[in-house]
Amino acid sequence: LPFITALGKKKEAKAFSQAPILIGGCARSGTTLLISILSAHKEIFACPRELGLFSKLKLDSEGIARPSRMDRLYTCLLSHQIPKEANRWLEKSPNNVQRIQEIDTHFKGYFKFIHIVRDGRDVVLSVHPTAKDRYWVSPERWVKDVSAGLAFAEHPNVYLLKYEELVMDSDNQI
């Protein structure tokens, strides 16, 4: 991992001149649709799968929670060809919405975050694909995830995007 991290950081520094973009929101809220749309932009390299960079944290020597899986990003950067036009990378994991503070701390304010919110009625009615008799997201989870993102609504690097506005007015929202 130290070797991958060192090489990955070097490639990241060489390839990208703009702040990374992270997407988060409750599951079934449109994070996959959003990354699909943004990945078509020539200046964005979108990680092709969820990396969960901030899903596991560890305390550093100063007691600050740091992501322990940044190696996943560096592995992704090393294993894919980055288009010359790309000047920032993009990663989406719905759970990122629960880690905005840690993302801010890790990137020292040099990041962009898109919090996508979908009407909770539609989210909780999304049926689980492998268990048709149950729903994917509970109402409690929707409230928890949306509340976590809204706590950063005034943060200058956090953008709130409503799924319904994205679908109905995609040109202006993008």
Protein backbone atom coordinates (compact mmCIF):
# COMPACT_ATOMS: atom_id res chain seq x y z
CA LEU A 1 0.00 0.00 0.00
CA PRO A 2 2.74 2.57 0.65
CA PHE A 3 4.09 1.98 -2.88
CA ILE A 4 0.62 2.32 -4.45
CA THR A 5 -0.06 5.42 -2.37
CA ALA A 6 3.21 7.07 -3.38
CA LEU A 7 2.75 6.35 -7.09
CA GLY A 8 -0.94 7.26 -6.97
CA LYS A 9 -0.28 10.61 -5.28
CA LYS A 10 2.32 11.39 -7.92
CA LYS A 11 -0.10 10.58 -10.75
CA GLU A 12 -2.86 12.57 -9.05
CA ALA A 13 -0.63 15.64 -8.70
CA LYS A 14 0.50 15.39 -12.32
CA ALA A 15 -2.92 14.77 -13.87
CA PHE A 16 -5.27 17.02 -11.91
CA SER A 17 -5.09 20.76 -11.35
CA GLN A 18 -8.60 21.32 -9.97
CA ALA A 19 -10.28 20.27 -6.73
CA PRO A 20 -11.78 16.79 -6.68
CA ILE A 21 -15.54 16.31 -6.69
CA LEU A 22 -17.26 13.93 -4.33
CA ILE A 23 -20.92 12.96 -4.59
CA GLY A 24 -23.04 11.77 -1.71
CA GLY A 25 -26.65 11.33 -0.75
CA CYS A 26 -29.03 8.72 0.50
CA ALA A 27 -29.02 5.49 -1.50
CA ARG A 28 -31.56 5.51 -4.36
CA SER A 29 -31.37 9.31 -4.62
CA GLY A 30 -29.68 9.59 -8.01
CA THR A 31 -25.96 9.40 -7.21
CA THR A 32 -25.42 6.92 -10.05
CA LEU A 33 -27.37 9.04 -12.52
CA LEU A 34 -25.36 12.09 -11.50
CA ILE A 35 -21.96 10.45 -11.89
CA SER A 36 -23.06 9.09 -15.28
CA ILE A 37 -23.92 12.59 -16.45
CA LEU A 38 -20.80 14.27 -15.05
CA SER A 39 -18.47 11.55 -16.32
CA ALA A 40 -19.35 12.60 -19.86
CA HIS A 41 -17.58 15.93 -19.27
CA LYS A 42 -14.12 15.87 -20.82
CA GLU A 43 -12.52 17.67 -17.87
CA ILE A 44 -13.69 15.09 -15.31
CA PHE A 45 -12.23 11.67 -14.66
CA ALA A 46 -14.94 9.70 -12.87
CA CYS A 47 -13.88 6.70 -10.85
CA PRO A 48 -15.81 3.85 -12.49
CA ARG A 49 -17.03 2.32 -9.23
CA GLU A 50 -17.80 3.37 -5.68
CA LEU A 51 -14.58 3.46 -3.70
CA GLY A 52 -15.89 4.19 -0.22
CA LEU A 53 -12.84 6.32 0.47
CA PHE A 54 -14.29 7.63 3.72
CA SER A 55 -16.18 4.51 4.78
CA LYS A 56 -13.48 3.57 7.28
CA LEU A 57 -11.68 6.12 9.37
CA LYS A 58 -8.74 5.88 11.74
CA LEU A 59 -7.48 8.38 14.26
CA ASP A 60 -4.10 9.91 13.54
CA SER A 61 -1.55 10.85 16.21
CA GLU A 62 -3.44 14.13 16.82
CA GLY A 63 -6.79 12.39 17.28
CA ILE A 64 -8.14 13.49 13.89
CA ALA A 65 -10.25 10.97 11.94
CA ARG A 66 -8.55 10.22 8.62
CA PRO A 67 -9.71 7.99 5.76
CA SER A 68 -7.96 4.64 5.79
CA ARG A 69 -8.87 3.63 2.22
CA MET A 70 -7.35 6.34 0.04
CA ASP A 71 -5.32 3.54 -1.53
CA ARG A 72 -8.50 2.67 -3.44
CA LEU A 73 -8.35 6.04 -5.19
CA TYR A 74 -4.69 5.64 -6.03
CA THR A 75 -5.25 2.11 -7.33
CA CYS A 76 -8.04 3.47 -9.53
CA LEU A 77 -5.85 6.28 -10.87
CA LEU A 78 -2.97 3.90 -11.57
CA SER A 79 -5.13 1.29 -13.28
CA HIS A 80 -6.96 3.65 -15.65
CA GLN A 81 -5.80 5.95 -18.38
CA ILE A 82 -6.60 9.52 -17.42
CA PRO A 83 -7.68 11.62 -20.42
CA LYS A 84 -5.37 14.58 -21.03
CA GLU A 85 -8.32 16.99 -20.82
CA ALA A 86 -9.34 15.80 -17.35
CA ASN A 87 -8.33 18.29 -14.68
CA ARG A 88 -10.17 16.80 -11.68
CA TRP A 89 -11.33 13.44 -10.44
CA LEU A 90 -14.82 12.51 -9.28
CA GLU A 91 -15.93 9.79 -6.88
CA LYS A 92 -19.39 8.90 -5.69
CA SER A 93 -20.35 6.85 -2.72
CA PRO A 94 -23.75 7.54 -1.17
CA ASN A 95 -22.20 7.30 2.31
CA ASN A 96 -19.98 10.31 1.54
CA VAL A 97 -22.87 12.43 2.79
CA GLN A 98 -22.17 11.13 6.31
CA ARG A 99 -18.50 12.18 6.06
CA ILE A 100 -18.50 15.76 4.80
CA GLN A 101 -16.58 17.01 7.83
CA GLU A 102 -13.89 14.35 7.38
CA ILE A 103 -13.74 15.09 3.65
CA ASP A 104 -13.26 18.79 4.41
CA THR A 105 -10.54 18.02 6.95
CA HIS A 106 -8.72 15.57 4.67
CA PHE A 107 -8.70 17.86 1.64
CA LYS A 108 -8.11 21.00 3.74
CA GLY A 109 -11.08 22.71 2.11
CA TYR A 110 -9.88 21.94 -1.43
CA PHE A 111 -12.79 19.85 -2.71
CA LYS A 112 -16.27 20.16 -4.19
CA PHE A 113 -19.15 18.14 -2.79
CA ILE A 114 -22.50 17.52 -4.44
CA HIS A 115 -25.25 16.47 -2.04
CA ILE A 116 -28.08 15.02 -4.10
CA VAL A 117 -31.49 14.83 -2.45
CA ARG A 118 -34.51 13.02 -3.84
CA ASP A 119 -38.06 13.15 -2.52
CA GLY A 120 -38.08 10.73 0.42
CA ARG A 121 -41.33 9.12 -0.71
CA ASP A 122 -39.69 7.95 -3.92
CA VAL A 123 -36.51 6.86 -2.16
CA VAL A 124 -38.20 4.68 0.45
CA LEU A 125 -40.52 3.09 -2.13
CA SER A 126 -37.57 1.82 -4.18
CA VAL A 127 -37.80 -1.97 -4.04
CA HIS A 128 -34.63 -3.96 -3.32
CA PRO A 129 -33.51 -5.69 -6.56
CA THR A 130 -32.76 -9.09 -5.00
CA ALA A 131 -35.48 -9.11 -2.35
CA LYS A 132 -38.69 -7.93 -4.01
CA ASP A 133 -40.62 -8.15 -0.74
CA ARG A 134 -38.62 -5.43 1.00
CA TYR A 135 -37.58 -1.87 0.42
CA TRP A 136 -34.03 -0.66 -0.08
CA VAL A 137 -34.01 2.36 2.22
CA SER A 138 -35.88 2.98 5.45
CA PRO A 139 -37.48 6.37 6.14
CA GLU A 140 -35.10 6.73 9.11
CA ARG A 141 -32.07 6.31 6.88
CA TRP A 142 -33.37 8.89 4.43
CA VAL A 143 -33.88 11.41 7.25
CA LYS A 144 -30.43 10.63 8.69
CA ASP A 145 -28.61 11.00 5.36
CA VAL A 146 -30.46 14.13 4.23
CA SER A 147 -29.97 15.74 7.63
CA ALA A 148 -26.24 14.99 7.54
CA GLY A 149 -25.88 16.74 4.20
CA LEU A 150 -28.11 19.67 5.11
CA ALA A 151 -25.92 20.36 8.13
CA PHE A 152 -23.36 21.61 5.56
CA ALA A 153 -25.81 23.55 3.40
CA GLU A 154 -23.95 26.81 4.08
CA HIS A 155 -20.50 25.34 3.39
CA PRO A 156 -19.01 27.10 0.35
CA ASN A 157 -17.82 23.83 -1.22
CA VAL A 158 -21.07 21.91 -0.79
CA TYR A 159 -23.75 22.13 -3.44
CA LEU A 160 -27.28 20.86 -2.82
CA LEU A 161 -28.82 19.31 -5.93
CA LYS A 162 -32.42 18.17 -5.98
CA TYR A 163 -32.95 15.03 -8.04
CA GLU A 164 -36.29 16.25 -9.36
CA GLU A 165 -34.74 19.48 -10.62
CA LEU A 166 -31.93 17.51 -12.25
CA VAL A 167 -34.45 15.36 -14.12
CA MET A 168 -36.85 18.18 -15.05
CA ASP A 169 -34.26 20.89 -15.88
CA SER A 170 -31.03 19.01 -16.50
CA ASP A 171 -29.44 21.64 -18.77
CA ASN A 172 -29.61 24.36 -16.11
CA GLN A 173 -28.76 22.05 -13.22
CA ILE A 174 -25.66 20.60 -14.87
